[in-house]
Amino acid sequence: MRLYIMRHGHAEHTIGIDDAQRQLTEKGIQRIETTAQVLKQLDINPTYIYSSPRVRARQTAEIVASALDKNIEITEAMNFGFGYSALKRLAESKATDAELMFVGHEPTLSTVIEAITGAIVEMKPGGFARIDIYDHSNMRGQLIWFIAPKVFDVLGQ
C-alpha cells in the first residue's frame, strides 16, 4: 500500500473568518495547481483521495483530483483530530496495492507520519509525503519522500 499525505495550500488568515470557511489564497491556489501538475508528471495515481471538509483542504483536494482525473471523498475523519487510528480505519478495508491520498491539516498530518514511519517532519502548507506500507496489519511503513512546497515550485517551471 502506498500513502500520500498532503497538507492544504496556503489559506486566508483567521481574522474575522470562521476557520472552517477559510479559503486558499491566490498564492495557495497557484502553488497547488503547480503541485498537481508535478504530481501528474510523476504518475501519482491514488485509488482514493480523502479530504477534510474544511474549505481550504477541500479546495486543495479538488485541484489535485481534477489534475489527476480522480474523485474525492470528503470525510470528517480528515478534519481536526485526524490521527493514526482514523487513517488505519480508512485504509484497513483497502487492497494492499491501493494508493491512498489524505488531504488535511497540521499538526495531525505530521503526527500521523511519525506514528507510521518514526520520521519527524513538519508539513508546510502544500507539503507532500509518500509512505510505502510494509506492514499492512499494523500500518507501519517507510517515508519514501517528503517534498516541501518550494520544491514543487521549482519542479513546475
N, C-alpha and C. Protein backbone atom coordinates (compact mmCIF):
# COMPACT_ATOMS: atom_id res chain seq x y z
N MET A 1 0.85 -1.18 0.00
CA MET A 1 0.00 0.00 0.00
C MET A 1 0.90 1.23 0.00
N ARG A 2 0.45 2.23 -0.72
CA ARG A 2 1.18 3.48 -0.80
C ARG A 2 0.26 4.59 -0.28
N LEU A 3 0.78 5.42 0.59
CA LEU A 3 0.03 6.54 1.14
C LEU A 3 0.65 7.85 0.68
N TYR A 4 -0.20 8.79 0.33
CA TYR A 4 0.23 10.15 0.04
C TYR A 4 -0.43 11.06 1.06
N ILE A 5 0.37 11.84 1.74
CA ILE A 5 -0.14 12.74 2.77
C ILE A 5 0.12 14.16 2.28
N MET A 6 -0.93 14.99 2.26
CA MET A 6 -0.79 16.35 1.74
C MET A 6 -1.49 17.35 2.67
N ARG A 7 -0.76 18.40 2.98
CA ARG A 7 -1.39 19.49 3.73
C ARG A 7 -2.01 20.45 2.73
N HIS A 8 -3.13 21.02 3.12
CA HIS A 8 -3.80 22.01 2.27
C HIS A 8 -2.85 23.16 1.94
N GLY A 9 -3.18 23.89 0.88
CA GLY A 9 -2.37 25.02 0.47
C GLY A 9 -2.52 26.22 1.39
N HIS A 10 -1.75 27.26 1.09
CA HIS A 10 -1.76 28.49 1.88
C HIS A 10 -3.16 29.09 1.87
N ALA A 11 -3.67 29.40 3.09
CA ALA A 11 -5.05 29.86 3.23
C ALA A 11 -5.12 31.24 3.85
N GLU A 12 -6.32 31.82 3.76
CA GLU A 12 -6.59 33.12 4.36
C GLU A 12 -6.29 33.08 5.86
N HIS A 13 -5.99 34.24 6.41
CA HIS A 13 -5.79 34.33 7.85
C HIS A 13 -7.14 34.24 8.54
N THR A 14 -7.11 33.93 9.81
CA THR A 14 -8.34 33.65 10.55
C THR A 14 -9.08 34.88 11.05
N ILE A 15 -8.51 36.05 10.94
CA ILE A 15 -9.15 37.25 11.49
C ILE A 15 -10.49 37.49 10.81
N GLY A 16 -11.56 37.41 11.59
CA GLY A 16 -12.89 37.68 11.09
C GLY A 16 -13.50 36.59 10.21
N ILE A 17 -12.84 35.44 10.11
CA ILE A 17 -13.34 34.36 9.26
C ILE A 17 -13.49 33.10 10.10
N ASP A 18 -14.61 32.42 9.96
CA ASP A 18 -14.79 31.12 10.60
C ASP A 18 -13.72 30.18 10.04
N ASP A 19 -12.98 29.52 10.91
CA ASP A 19 -11.86 28.68 10.47
C ASP A 19 -12.28 27.65 9.43
N ALA A 20 -13.44 27.06 9.58
CA ALA A 20 -13.89 26.03 8.64
C ALA A 20 -14.12 26.60 7.24
N GLN A 21 -14.31 27.92 7.14
CA GLN A 21 -14.62 28.56 5.85
C GLN A 21 -13.40 29.22 5.19
N ARG A 22 -12.24 29.14 5.83
CA ARG A 22 -11.05 29.77 5.26
C ARG A 22 -10.73 29.15 3.90
N GLN A 23 -10.52 30.00 2.91
CA GLN A 23 -10.24 29.55 1.55
C GLN A 23 -8.75 29.68 1.24
N LEU A 24 -8.34 29.01 0.19
CA LEU A 24 -6.98 29.18 -0.30
C LEU A 24 -6.80 30.60 -0.80
N THR A 25 -5.61 31.15 -0.59
CA THR A 25 -5.29 32.44 -1.17
C THR A 25 -4.96 32.23 -2.65
N GLU A 26 -4.81 33.33 -3.38
CA GLU A 26 -4.42 33.21 -4.79
C GLU A 26 -3.07 32.49 -4.91
N LYS A 27 -2.14 32.85 -4.02
CA LYS A 27 -0.84 32.17 -4.00
C LYS A 27 -1.03 30.68 -3.70
N GLY A 28 -1.91 30.38 -2.76
CA GLY A 28 -2.18 28.98 -2.41
C GLY A 28 -2.74 28.20 -3.58
N ILE A 29 -3.66 28.81 -4.31
CA ILE A 29 -4.26 28.16 -5.49
C ILE A 29 -3.18 27.90 -6.54
N GLN A 30 -2.38 28.92 -6.83
CA GLN A 30 -1.34 28.78 -7.85
C GLN A 30 -0.34 27.69 -7.47
N ARG A 31 0.06 27.67 -6.21
CA ARG A 31 1.04 26.68 -5.78
C ARG A 31 0.47 25.26 -5.86
N ILE A 32 -0.79 25.08 -5.47
CA ILE A 32 -1.41 23.75 -5.54
C ILE A 32 -1.62 23.34 -6.99
N GLU A 33 -1.96 24.28 -7.86
CA GLU A 33 -2.07 23.94 -9.29
C GLU A 33 -0.74 23.45 -9.83
N THR A 34 0.35 24.12 -9.45
CA THR A 34 1.68 23.68 -9.86
C THR A 34 1.98 22.29 -9.29
N THR A 35 1.69 22.11 -8.02
CA THR A 35 1.90 20.81 -7.37
C THR A 35 1.14 19.72 -8.09
N ALA A 36 -0.12 19.99 -8.41
CA ALA A 36 -0.96 19.00 -9.09
C ALA A 36 -0.36 18.60 -10.43
N GLN A 37 0.17 19.56 -11.17
CA GLN A 37 0.78 19.24 -12.47
C GLN A 37 2.05 18.40 -12.29
N VAL A 38 2.83 18.70 -11.27
CA VAL A 38 4.03 17.88 -10.99
C VAL A 38 3.62 16.47 -10.59
N LEU A 39 2.59 16.34 -9.76
CA LEU A 39 2.12 15.01 -9.35
C LEU A 39 1.65 14.22 -10.57
N LYS A 40 1.00 14.89 -11.50
CA LYS A 40 0.56 14.23 -12.73
C LYS A 40 1.77 13.75 -13.53
N GLN A 41 2.79 14.59 -13.65
CA GLN A 41 4.01 14.20 -14.38
C GLN A 41 4.72 13.04 -13.71
N LEU A 42 4.58 12.94 -12.39
CA LEU A 42 5.19 11.84 -11.64
C LEU A 42 4.34 10.56 -11.68
N ASP A 43 3.23 10.61 -12.39
CA ASP A 43 2.29 9.48 -12.47
C ASP A 43 1.74 9.05 -11.12
N ILE A 44 1.51 10.02 -10.25
CA ILE A 44 0.85 9.73 -8.98
C ILE A 44 -0.59 9.34 -9.31
N ASN A 45 -1.01 8.19 -8.82
CA ASN A 45 -2.30 7.65 -9.23
C ASN A 45 -3.06 7.07 -8.04
N PRO A 46 -3.55 7.95 -7.16
CA PRO A 46 -4.25 7.42 -5.98
C PRO A 46 -5.57 6.73 -6.35
N THR A 47 -5.81 5.62 -5.70
CA THR A 47 -7.06 4.91 -5.86
C THR A 47 -8.19 5.67 -5.17
N TYR A 48 -7.85 6.27 -4.03
CA TYR A 48 -8.80 7.04 -3.22
C TYR A 48 -8.14 8.34 -2.79
N ILE A 49 -8.93 9.43 -2.77
CA ILE A 49 -8.48 10.69 -2.21
C ILE A 49 -9.48 11.07 -1.12
N TYR A 50 -8.98 11.22 0.10
CA TYR A 50 -9.80 11.62 1.24
C TYR A 50 -9.44 13.04 1.62
N SER A 51 -10.45 13.86 1.87
CA SER A 51 -10.21 15.26 2.23
C SER A 51 -11.02 15.66 3.44
N SER A 52 -10.43 16.56 4.21
CA SER A 52 -11.15 17.24 5.27
C SER A 52 -12.29 18.05 4.66
N PRO A 53 -13.38 18.25 5.39
CA PRO A 53 -14.46 19.07 4.87
C PRO A 53 -14.18 20.57 4.93
N ARG A 54 -13.12 20.99 5.62
CA ARG A 54 -12.81 22.42 5.70
C ARG A 54 -12.47 22.93 4.30
N VAL A 55 -12.92 24.14 3.99
CA VAL A 55 -12.87 24.67 2.63
C VAL A 55 -11.47 24.60 2.04
N ARG A 56 -10.44 25.02 2.78
CA ARG A 56 -9.09 25.08 2.23
C ARG A 56 -8.56 23.70 1.85
N ALA A 57 -8.89 22.69 2.64
CA ALA A 57 -8.48 21.31 2.31
C ALA A 57 -9.27 20.79 1.13
N ARG A 58 -10.56 21.06 1.13
CA ARG A 58 -11.41 20.62 0.02
C ARG A 58 -10.96 21.25 -1.29
N GLN A 59 -10.64 22.54 -1.28
CA GLN A 59 -10.16 23.21 -2.49
C GLN A 59 -8.85 22.57 -2.97
N THR A 60 -7.96 22.29 -2.04
CA THR A 60 -6.68 21.65 -2.37
C THR A 60 -6.94 20.29 -3.03
N ALA A 61 -7.78 19.49 -2.40
CA ALA A 61 -8.09 18.15 -2.93
C ALA A 61 -8.75 18.24 -4.30
N GLU A 62 -9.63 19.23 -4.49
CA GLU A 62 -10.31 19.38 -5.78
C GLU A 62 -9.33 19.71 -6.90
N ILE A 63 -8.37 20.58 -6.62
CA ILE A 63 -7.38 20.95 -7.64
C ILE A 63 -6.55 19.73 -8.03
N VAL A 64 -6.09 18.99 -7.02
CA VAL A 64 -5.27 17.80 -7.28
C VAL A 64 -6.10 16.73 -7.99
N ALA A 65 -7.31 16.48 -7.50
CA ALA A 65 -8.16 15.45 -8.09
C ALA A 65 -8.49 15.77 -9.55
N SER A 66 -8.72 17.03 -9.85
CA SER A 66 -9.02 17.43 -11.22
C SER A 66 -7.82 17.14 -12.13
N ALA A 67 -6.63 17.48 -11.68
CA ALA A 67 -5.43 17.25 -12.49
C ALA A 67 -5.17 15.76 -12.70
N LEU A 68 -5.50 14.95 -11.68
CA LEU A 68 -5.25 13.51 -11.75
C LEU A 68 -6.45 12.72 -12.25
N ASP A 69 -7.55 13.42 -12.55
CA ASP A 69 -8.80 12.81 -13.00
C ASP A 69 -9.30 11.76 -12.00
N LYS A 70 -9.42 12.19 -10.76
CA LYS A 70 -9.86 11.33 -9.66
C LYS A 70 -11.05 11.95 -8.94
N ASN A 71 -11.72 11.14 -8.14
CA ASN A 71 -12.81 11.61 -7.29
C ASN A 71 -12.28 11.80 -5.88
N ILE A 72 -13.02 12.58 -5.11
CA ILE A 72 -12.65 12.86 -3.71
C ILE A 72 -13.76 12.35 -2.81
N GLU A 73 -13.37 11.84 -1.66
CA GLU A 73 -14.33 11.55 -0.61
C GLU A 73 -14.07 12.54 0.51
N ILE A 74 -15.05 13.41 0.75
CA ILE A 74 -14.96 14.36 1.86
C ILE A 74 -15.38 13.59 3.11
N THR A 75 -14.51 13.62 4.12
CA THR A 75 -14.81 12.85 5.33
C THR A 75 -14.39 13.61 6.57
N GLU A 76 -15.24 13.57 7.55
CA GLU A 76 -14.98 14.19 8.85
C GLU A 76 -13.73 13.57 9.49
N ALA A 77 -13.40 12.35 9.11
CA ALA A 77 -12.21 11.68 9.66
C ALA A 77 -10.93 12.46 9.35
N MET A 78 -10.94 13.27 8.28
CA MET A 78 -9.75 14.06 7.89
C MET A 78 -9.74 15.45 8.52
N ASN A 79 -10.76 15.78 9.27
CA ASN A 79 -10.84 17.10 9.90
C ASN A 79 -9.86 17.18 11.06
N PHE A 80 -9.91 18.27 11.82
CA PHE A 80 -9.07 18.37 13.01
C PHE A 80 -9.32 17.13 13.86
N GLY A 81 -8.30 16.60 14.45
CA GLY A 81 -8.43 15.38 15.23
C GLY A 81 -8.06 14.14 14.43
N PHE A 82 -7.80 14.30 13.13
CA PHE A 82 -7.33 13.17 12.32
C PHE A 82 -6.10 12.59 12.98
N GLY A 83 -6.03 11.28 13.01
CA GLY A 83 -4.88 10.65 13.63
C GLY A 83 -4.63 9.26 13.06
N TYR A 84 -3.69 8.59 13.67
CA TYR A 84 -3.28 7.25 13.23
C TYR A 84 -4.47 6.30 13.16
N SER A 85 -5.32 6.31 14.19
CA SER A 85 -6.45 5.36 14.19
C SER A 85 -7.45 5.68 13.08
N ALA A 86 -7.66 6.96 12.77
CA ALA A 86 -8.56 7.32 11.67
C ALA A 86 -7.98 6.88 10.34
N LEU A 87 -6.68 7.08 10.15
CA LEU A 87 -6.04 6.62 8.91
C LEU A 87 -6.15 5.11 8.79
N LYS A 88 -5.90 4.43 9.88
CA LYS A 88 -5.97 2.96 9.87
C LYS A 88 -7.39 2.49 9.50
N ARG A 89 -8.42 3.14 10.05
CA ARG A 89 -9.80 2.78 9.72
C ARG A 89 -10.09 3.01 8.24
N LEU A 90 -9.61 4.12 7.69
CA LEU A 90 -9.86 4.41 6.27
C LEU A 90 -9.12 3.43 5.37
N ALA A 91 -7.97 2.94 5.82
CA ALA A 91 -7.13 2.08 4.98
C ALA A 91 -7.37 0.60 5.16
N GLU A 92 -7.93 0.18 6.29
CA GLU A 92 -7.97 -1.25 6.62
C GLU A 92 -8.76 -2.11 5.63
N SER A 93 -9.76 -1.57 5.01
CA SER A 93 -10.56 -2.38 4.09
C SER A 93 -10.06 -2.29 2.65
N LYS A 94 -9.00 -1.55 2.43
CA LYS A 94 -8.48 -1.37 1.08
C LYS A 94 -7.46 -2.45 0.75
N ALA A 95 -7.33 -2.73 -0.54
CA ALA A 95 -6.37 -3.74 -1.00
C ALA A 95 -4.95 -3.29 -0.65
N THR A 96 -4.08 -4.26 -0.46
CA THR A 96 -2.70 -3.94 -0.08
C THR A 96 -1.95 -3.20 -1.19
N ASP A 97 -2.46 -3.23 -2.42
CA ASP A 97 -1.80 -2.49 -3.50
C ASP A 97 -2.49 -1.15 -3.79
N ALA A 98 -3.43 -0.75 -2.92
CA ALA A 98 -4.13 0.52 -3.10
C ALA A 98 -3.19 1.70 -2.84
N GLU A 99 -3.51 2.82 -3.47
CA GLU A 99 -2.79 4.06 -3.23
C GLU A 99 -3.80 5.06 -2.68
N LEU A 100 -3.55 5.55 -1.48
CA LEU A 100 -4.48 6.42 -0.79
C LEU A 100 -3.87 7.80 -0.58
N MET A 101 -4.63 8.84 -0.86
CA MET A 101 -4.18 10.21 -0.62
C MET A 101 -5.05 10.82 0.47
N PHE A 102 -4.39 11.50 1.41
CA PHE A 102 -5.06 12.14 2.53
C PHE A 102 -4.73 13.63 2.51
N VAL A 103 -5.74 14.49 2.43
CA VAL A 103 -5.54 15.93 2.40
C VAL A 103 -6.15 16.52 3.67
N GLY A 104 -5.30 17.14 4.47
CA GLY A 104 -5.79 17.64 5.75
C GLY A 104 -4.96 18.75 6.33
N HIS A 105 -4.79 18.69 7.65
CA HIS A 105 -4.29 19.83 8.43
C HIS A 105 -3.13 19.43 9.35
N GLU A 106 -2.42 20.44 9.78
CA GLU A 106 -1.41 20.28 10.81
C GLU A 106 -2.05 20.59 12.16
N PRO A 107 -1.53 20.05 13.23
CA PRO A 107 -0.30 19.25 13.32
C PRO A 107 -0.52 17.75 13.16
N THR A 108 -1.77 17.37 12.87
CA THR A 108 -2.08 15.94 12.87
C THR A 108 -1.42 15.17 11.73
N LEU A 109 -1.22 15.80 10.58
CA LEU A 109 -0.58 15.06 9.48
C LEU A 109 0.84 14.65 9.85
N SER A 110 1.59 15.58 10.44
CA SER A 110 2.96 15.26 10.85
C SER A 110 2.98 14.17 11.91
N THR A 111 2.02 14.23 12.82
CA THR A 111 1.91 13.22 13.87
C THR A 111 1.63 11.84 13.29
N VAL A 112 0.77 11.78 12.28
CA VAL A 112 0.44 10.51 11.63
C VAL A 112 1.66 9.95 10.91
N ILE A 113 2.40 10.82 10.20
CA ILE A 113 3.62 10.36 9.52
C ILE A 113 4.59 9.77 10.52
N GLU A 114 4.75 10.44 11.66
CA GLU A 114 5.66 9.92 12.70
C GLU A 114 5.17 8.59 13.25
N ALA A 115 3.87 8.46 13.48
CA ALA A 115 3.32 7.22 14.03
C ALA A 115 3.53 6.03 13.09
N ILE A 116 3.46 6.28 11.79
CA ILE A 116 3.60 5.20 10.81
C ILE A 116 5.07 4.88 10.52
N THR A 117 5.91 5.93 10.45
CA THR A 117 7.28 5.75 9.97
C THR A 117 8.37 6.00 11.01
N GLY A 118 8.04 6.75 12.05
CA GLY A 118 9.06 7.18 13.01
C GLY A 118 9.75 8.46 12.60
N ALA A 119 9.48 8.96 11.40
CA ALA A 119 10.12 10.19 10.91
C ALA A 119 9.45 11.41 11.53
N ILE A 120 10.26 12.36 11.92
CA ILE A 120 9.75 13.61 12.46
C ILE A 120 9.81 14.66 11.36
N VAL A 121 8.64 15.15 10.97
CA VAL A 121 8.54 16.13 9.88
C VAL A 121 7.59 17.24 10.31
N GLU A 122 7.62 18.32 9.58
CA GLU A 122 6.65 19.40 9.75
C GLU A 122 6.08 19.73 8.38
N MET A 123 4.80 19.47 8.22
CA MET A 123 4.14 19.71 6.95
C MET A 123 3.82 21.19 6.80
N LYS A 124 4.46 21.83 5.85
CA LYS A 124 4.15 23.22 5.50
C LYS A 124 2.93 23.22 4.58
N PRO A 125 2.22 24.35 4.46
CA PRO A 125 1.08 24.38 3.53
C PRO A 125 1.50 23.94 2.13
N GLY A 126 0.82 22.94 1.62
CA GLY A 126 1.14 22.39 0.30
C GLY A 126 2.20 21.30 0.33
N GLY A 127 2.69 20.95 1.52
CA GLY A 127 3.69 19.89 1.64
C GLY A 127 3.10 18.54 1.28
N PHE A 128 3.96 17.61 0.87
CA PHE A 128 3.51 16.32 0.34
C PHE A 128 4.49 15.23 0.75
N ALA A 129 3.96 14.11 1.16
CA ALA A 129 4.80 12.98 1.56
C ALA A 129 4.28 11.69 0.94
N ARG A 130 5.21 10.79 0.68
CA ARG A 130 4.85 9.44 0.22
C ARG A 130 5.38 8.44 1.24
N ILE A 131 4.50 7.54 1.63
CA ILE A 131 4.84 6.47 2.56
C ILE A 131 4.48 5.14 1.92
N ASP A 132 5.41 4.22 1.92
CA ASP A 132 5.13 2.85 1.46
C ASP A 132 4.91 1.98 2.69
N ILE A 133 3.76 1.34 2.74
CA ILE A 133 3.41 0.49 3.88
C ILE A 133 4.01 -0.90 3.66
N TYR A 134 4.79 -1.36 4.62
CA TYR A 134 5.36 -2.70 4.54
C TYR A 134 4.69 -3.67 5.50
N ASP A 135 3.93 -3.16 6.47
CA ASP A 135 3.20 -4.00 7.42
C ASP A 135 1.76 -3.48 7.45
N HIS A 136 0.93 -4.04 6.58
CA HIS A 136 -0.44 -3.56 6.42
C HIS A 136 -1.28 -3.76 7.67
N SER A 137 -1.14 -4.87 8.35
CA SER A 137 -1.98 -5.15 9.52
C SER A 137 -1.68 -4.19 10.67
N ASN A 138 -0.45 -3.73 10.80
CA ASN A 138 -0.09 -2.78 11.86
C ASN A 138 0.11 -1.36 11.34
N MET A 139 -0.13 -1.15 10.04
CA MET A 139 0.01 0.14 9.39
C MET A 139 1.35 0.79 9.73
N ARG A 140 2.40 0.08 9.38
CA ARG A 140 3.77 0.59 9.54
C ARG A 140 4.38 0.72 8.15
N GLY A 141 5.17 1.77 7.96
CA GLY A 141 5.74 2.00 6.66
C GLY A 141 7.01 2.81 6.70
N GLN A 142 7.50 3.09 5.52
CA GLN A 142 8.74 3.84 5.33
C GLN A 142 8.43 5.13 4.59
N LEU A 143 8.98 6.24 5.10
CA LEU A 143 8.85 7.52 4.41
C LEU A 143 9.78 7.48 3.21
N ILE A 144 9.20 7.48 2.01
CA ILE A 144 9.98 7.38 0.77
C ILE A 144 10.46 8.75 0.34
N TRP A 145 9.55 9.74 0.35
CA TRP A 145 9.96 11.11 0.11
C TRP A 145 9.02 12.09 0.78
N PHE A 146 9.59 13.26 1.01
CA PHE A 146 8.90 14.36 1.66
C PHE A 146 9.26 15.60 0.86
N ILE A 147 8.25 16.25 0.27
CA ILE A 147 8.52 17.37 -0.62
C ILE A 147 7.96 18.66 -0.02
N ALA A 148 8.85 19.62 0.17
CA ALA A 148 8.45 20.94 0.63
C ALA A 148 7.79 21.68 -0.53
N PRO A 149 6.85 22.57 -0.25
CA PRO A 149 6.13 23.27 -1.31
C PRO A 149 7.03 24.02 -2.29
N LYS A 150 8.12 24.60 -1.82
CA LYS A 150 9.01 25.35 -2.71
C LYS A 150 9.65 24.45 -3.76
N VAL A 151 9.82 23.18 -3.43
CA VAL A 151 10.40 22.24 -4.39
C VAL A 151 9.43 22.05 -5.56
N PHE A 152 8.14 21.98 -5.28
CA PHE A 152 7.14 21.89 -6.36
C PHE A 152 7.21 23.11 -7.27
N ASP A 153 7.45 24.28 -6.68
CA ASP A 153 7.57 25.49 -7.49
C ASP A 153 8.68 25.35 -8.52
N VAL A 154 9.82 24.82 -8.09
CA VAL A 154 10.97 24.65 -8.99
C VAL A 154 10.68 23.54 -10.01
N LEU A 155 10.12 22.44 -9.56
CA LEU A 155 9.83 21.33 -10.45
C LEU A 155 8.78 21.70 -11.51
N GLY A 156 7.89 22.63 -11.16
CA GLY A 156 6.82 23.01 -12.07
C GLY A 156 7.22 24.04 -13.11
N GLN A 157 8.46 24.51 -13.04
CA GLN A 157 8.91 25.52 -14.02
C GLN A 157 9.24 24.91 -15.36
